[in-house]
C-alpha atoms as a PDB file:
ATOM      1  CA  GLN A   1       0.000   0.000   0.000  1.00  0.00           C
ATOM      2  CA  VAL A   2       1.060   3.577  -0.617  1.00  0.00           C
ATOM      3  CA  GLN A   3       2.494   5.288   2.449  1.00  0.00           C
ATOM      4  CA  LEU A   4       2.989   9.037   2.686  1.00  0.00           C
ATOM      5  CA  VAL A   5       4.933  10.569   5.551  1.00  0.00           C
ATOM      6  CA  GLU A   6       4.363  14.179   6.566  1.00  0.00           C
ATOM      7  CA  SER A   7       7.042  16.201   8.327  1.00  0.00           C
ATOM      8  CA  GLY A   8       8.207  19.751   8.916  1.00  0.00           C
ATOM      9  CA  GLY A   9       5.587  20.984  11.337  1.00  0.00           C
ATOM     10  CA  GLY A  10       6.357  22.990  14.422  1.00  0.00           C
ATOM     11  CA  SER A  11       5.454  26.008  16.501  1.00  0.00           C
ATOM     12  CA  VAL A  12       5.944  29.510  15.118  1.00  0.00           C
ATOM     13  CA  GLN A  13       4.842  33.061  15.791  1.00  0.00           C
ATOM     14  CA  ALA A  14       2.250  34.723  13.593  1.00  0.00           C
ATOM     15  CA  GLY A  15       3.901  35.987  10.436  1.00  0.00           C
ATOM     16  CA  GLY A  16       6.464  33.211  10.451  1.00  0.00           C
ATOM     17  CA  SER A  17       7.079  30.458   7.922  1.00  0.00           C
ATOM     18  CA  LEU A  18       7.276  26.685   7.769  1.00  0.00           C
ATOM     19  CA  ARG A  19       7.894  24.205   4.983  1.00  0.00           C
ATOM     20  CA  LEU A  20       6.082  20.888   5.188  1.00  0.00           C
ATOM     21  CA  SER A  21       7.221  17.780   3.343  1.00  0.00           C
ATOM     22  CA  CYS A  22       5.226  14.818   2.085  1.00  0.00           C
ATOM     23  CA  ALA A  23       7.465  11.924   1.134  1.00  0.00           C
ATOM     24  CA  THR A  24       7.104   8.359  -0.069  1.00  0.00           C
ATOM     25  CA  SER A  25       9.252   5.539  -1.377  1.00  0.00           C
ATOM     26  CA  GLU A  26       6.634   4.550  -3.961  1.00  0.00           C
ATOM     27  CA  SER A  27       8.018   4.407  -7.485  1.00  0.00           C
ATOM     28  CA  THR A  28       4.715   5.650  -8.939  1.00  0.00           C
ATOM     29  CA  PHE A  29       4.771   8.862  -6.912  1.00  0.00           C
ATOM     30  CA  SER A  30       5.706  11.030  -9.883  1.00  0.00           C
ATOM     31  CA  ALA A  31       2.500  10.009 -11.681  1.00  0.00           C
ATOM     32  CA  SER A  32       0.251  10.950  -8.758  1.00  0.00           C
ATOM     33  CA  ALA A  33      -1.484  14.147  -7.777  1.00  0.00           C
ATOM     34  CA  ILE A  34      -1.016  15.129  -4.130  1.00  0.00           C
ATOM     35  CA  GLY A  35      -3.256  17.176  -1.890  1.00  0.00           C
ATOM     36  CA  TRP A  36      -2.415  18.870   1.386  1.00  0.00           C
ATOM     37  CA  TYR A  37      -5.196  18.882   3.965  1.00  0.00           C
ATOM     38  CA  ARG A  38      -5.460  20.300   7.443  1.00  0.00           C
ATOM     39  CA  GLN A  39      -7.673  19.676  10.438  1.00  0.00           C
ATOM     40  CA  PRO A  40      -7.864  22.474  13.008  1.00  0.00           C
ATOM     41  CA  PRO A  41      -8.787  21.538  16.583  1.00  0.00           C
ATOM     42  CA  GLY A  42     -12.479  20.690  16.804  1.00  0.00           C
ATOM     43  CA  GLU A  43     -13.049  21.193  13.078  1.00  0.00           C
ATOM     44  CA  GLN A  44     -13.348  19.038   9.972  1.00  0.00           C
ATOM     45  CA  ARG A  45     -10.499  18.245   7.644  1.00  0.00           C
ATOM     46  CA  GLU A  46     -10.215  20.589   4.676  1.00  0.00           C
ATOM     47  CA  LEU A  47      -8.222  20.668   1.456  1.00  0.00           C
ATOM     48  CA  VAL A  48      -5.554  23.368   1.528  1.00  0.00           C
ATOM     49  CA  ALA A  49      -3.611  22.892  -1.702  1.00  0.00           C
ATOM     50  CA  ALA A  50      -3.095  20.330  -4.444  1.00  0.00           C
ATOM     51  CA  ILE A  51      -0.614  19.664  -7.216  1.00  0.00           C
ATOM     52  CA  SER A  52      -0.860  17.457 -10.286  1.00  0.00           C
ATOM     53  CA  SER A  53       1.812  15.164 -11.644  1.00  0.00           C
ATOM     54  CA  GLY A  54       2.618  17.879 -14.178  1.00  0.00           C
ATOM     55  CA  GLY A  55       2.782  20.707 -11.661  1.00  0.00           C
ATOM     56  CA  SER A  56      -0.671  22.273 -11.974  1.00  0.00           C
ATOM     57  CA  LYS A  57      -1.809  23.718  -8.641  1.00  0.00           C
ATOM     58  CA  ASN A  58      -4.843  24.901  -6.770  1.00  0.00           C
ATOM     59  CA  TYR A  59      -5.325  26.473  -3.349  1.00  0.00           C
ATOM     60  CA  ALA A  60      -8.032  27.130  -0.840  1.00  0.00           C
ATOM     61  CA  ASP A  61      -9.005  30.787  -0.710  1.00  0.00           C
ATOM     62  CA  SER A  62      -7.868  30.970   2.904  1.00  0.00           C
ATOM     63  CA  VAL A  63      -4.234  30.229   2.001  1.00  0.00           C
ATOM     64  CA  LYS A  64      -3.929  31.612  -1.513  1.00  0.00           C
ATOM     65  CA  ASP A  65      -1.010  34.056  -1.869  1.00  0.00           C
ATOM     66  CA  ARG A  66       0.513  32.762   1.374  1.00  0.00           C
ATOM     67  CA  PHE A  67       1.119  29.052   0.730  1.00  0.00           C
ATOM     68  CA  THR A  68       2.953  27.441  -2.183  1.00  0.00           C
ATOM     69  CA  ILE A  69       2.770  23.776  -3.103  1.00  0.00           C
ATOM     70  CA  SER A  70       5.582  22.218  -5.130  1.00  0.00           C
ATOM     71  CA  ARG A  71       7.070  18.840  -5.886  1.00  0.00           C
ATOM     72  CA  ASP A  72      10.444  17.239  -6.459  1.00  0.00           C
ATOM     73  CA  ASN A  73       9.792  13.962  -8.224  1.00  0.00           C
ATOM     74  CA  ALA A  74      13.447  12.953  -8.035  1.00  0.00           C
ATOM     75  CA  LYS A  75      13.053  12.923  -4.255  1.00  0.00           C
ATOM     76  CA  ASN A  76       9.481  11.575  -4.249  1.00  0.00           C
ATOM     77  CA  THR A  77       8.502  14.585  -2.176  1.00  0.00           C
ATOM     78  CA  VAL A  78       5.803  17.253  -2.261  1.00  0.00           C
ATOM     79  CA  TYR A  79       6.301  20.442  -0.278  1.00  0.00           C
ATOM     80  CA  LEU A  80       4.001  23.026   1.215  1.00  0.00           C
ATOM     81  CA  GLN A  81       5.751  26.331   1.826  1.00  0.00           C
ATOM     82  CA  MET A  82       3.697  28.312   4.326  1.00  0.00           C
ATOM     83  CA  ASN A  83       4.429  32.011   4.730  1.00  0.00           C
ATOM     84  CA  SER A  84       2.729  34.769   6.698  1.00  0.00           C
ATOM     85  CA  LEU A  85       1.266  32.197   9.034  1.00  0.00           C
ATOM     86  CA  LYS A  86      -1.778  33.099  11.091  1.00  0.00           C
ATOM     87  CA  PRO A  87      -3.178  31.559  14.285  1.00  0.00           C
ATOM     88  CA  GLU A  88      -6.074  30.155  12.246  1.00  0.00           C
ATOM     89  CA  ASP A  89      -3.544  28.069  10.301  1.00  0.00           C
ATOM     90  CA  THR A  90      -3.020  25.987  13.444  1.00  0.00           C
ATOM     91  CA  ALA A  91      -3.932  22.407  12.556  1.00  0.00           C
ATOM     92  CA  VAL A  92      -2.651  18.936  11.892  1.00  0.00           C
ATOM     93  CA  TYR A  93      -1.573  18.834   8.246  1.00  0.00           C
ATOM     94  CA  TYR A  94      -1.914  15.712   6.101  1.00  0.00           C
ATOM     95  CA  CYS A  95      -1.076  14.777   2.532  1.00  0.00           C
ATOM     96  CA  ARG A  96      -3.069  12.433   0.315  1.00  0.00           C
ATOM     97  CA  ILE A  97      -2.684  10.865  -3.110  1.00  0.00           C
ATOM     98  CA  GLY A  98      -5.387  11.713  -5.623  1.00  0.00           C
ATOM     99  CA  THR A  99      -6.113  12.702  -9.194  1.00  0.00           C
ATOM    100  CA  PHE A 100      -6.164  16.095 -10.839  1.00  0.00           C
ATOM    101  CA  TYR A 101      -8.456  17.097 -13.694  1.00  0.00           C
ATOM    102  CA  SER A 102      -8.690  20.560 -15.233  1.00  0.00           C
ATOM    103  CA  GLY A 103      -7.516  22.283 -12.086  1.00  0.00           C
ATOM    104  CA  THR A 104      -9.591  20.199  -9.671  1.00  0.00           C
ATOM    105  CA  TYR A 105      -8.126  17.701  -7.219  1.00  0.00           C
ATOM    106  CA  TYR A 106      -9.950  14.520  -6.255  1.00  0.00           C
ATOM    107  CA  PRO A 107      -8.625  12.363  -3.399  1.00  0.00           C
ATOM    108  CA  ALA A 108      -8.049   8.682  -3.960  1.00  0.00           C
ATOM    109  CA  PHE A 109      -9.401   5.985  -1.711  1.00  0.00           C
ATOM    110  CA  GLY A 110      -7.123   5.201   1.197  1.00  0.00           C
ATOM    111  CA  SER A 111      -6.260   5.980   4.794  1.00  0.00           C
ATOM    112  CA  TRP A 112      -4.769   9.028   6.449  1.00  0.00           C
ATOM    113  CA  GLY A 113      -1.249   9.125   7.800  1.00  0.00           C
ATOM    114  CA  GLN A 114      -0.079  10.549  11.104  1.00  0.00           C
ATOM    115  CA  GLY A 115       0.073  14.133   9.881  1.00  0.00           C
ATOM    116  CA  THR A 116       2.312  16.878  11.191  1.00  0.00           C
ATOM    117  CA  GLN A 117       1.289  19.489  13.756  1.00  0.00           C
ATOM    118  CA  VAL A 118       1.498  23.185  12.924  1.00  0.00           C
ATOM    119  CA  THR A 119       0.930  25.644  15.752  1.00  0.00           C
ATOM    120  CA  VAL A 120       0.872  29.395  15.146  1.00  0.00           C
ATOM    121  CA  SER A 121       0.778  31.725  18.119  1.00  0.00           C
ATOM    122  CA  SER A 122      -0.202  35.380  18.093  1.00  0.00           C
END
């Protein structure tokens, strides 16, 4: 089964930056779209950003112009660069394999990983 491992979370002050990584050893990673999700305390999981195998991207309105998703297929890794962080960005962040059609990301069937905690203080 495909396993994705999230890392790079931490605790930062508002206005700070973090870069999250989503990595796998799967040889088919380069052909997969990847979505970053987050789940704030007491709230439902939401899609934050997604990237296709070819590098097309989309973002939630709440993070657009602050977050950047990218991928390095040689390293089987997708990144989420988070700048100008706000307290409302506090959440556990997860990545998920999916598909990408005409700018829209669709998650694949599967299970969630452990995620990585991001805490932003004011």
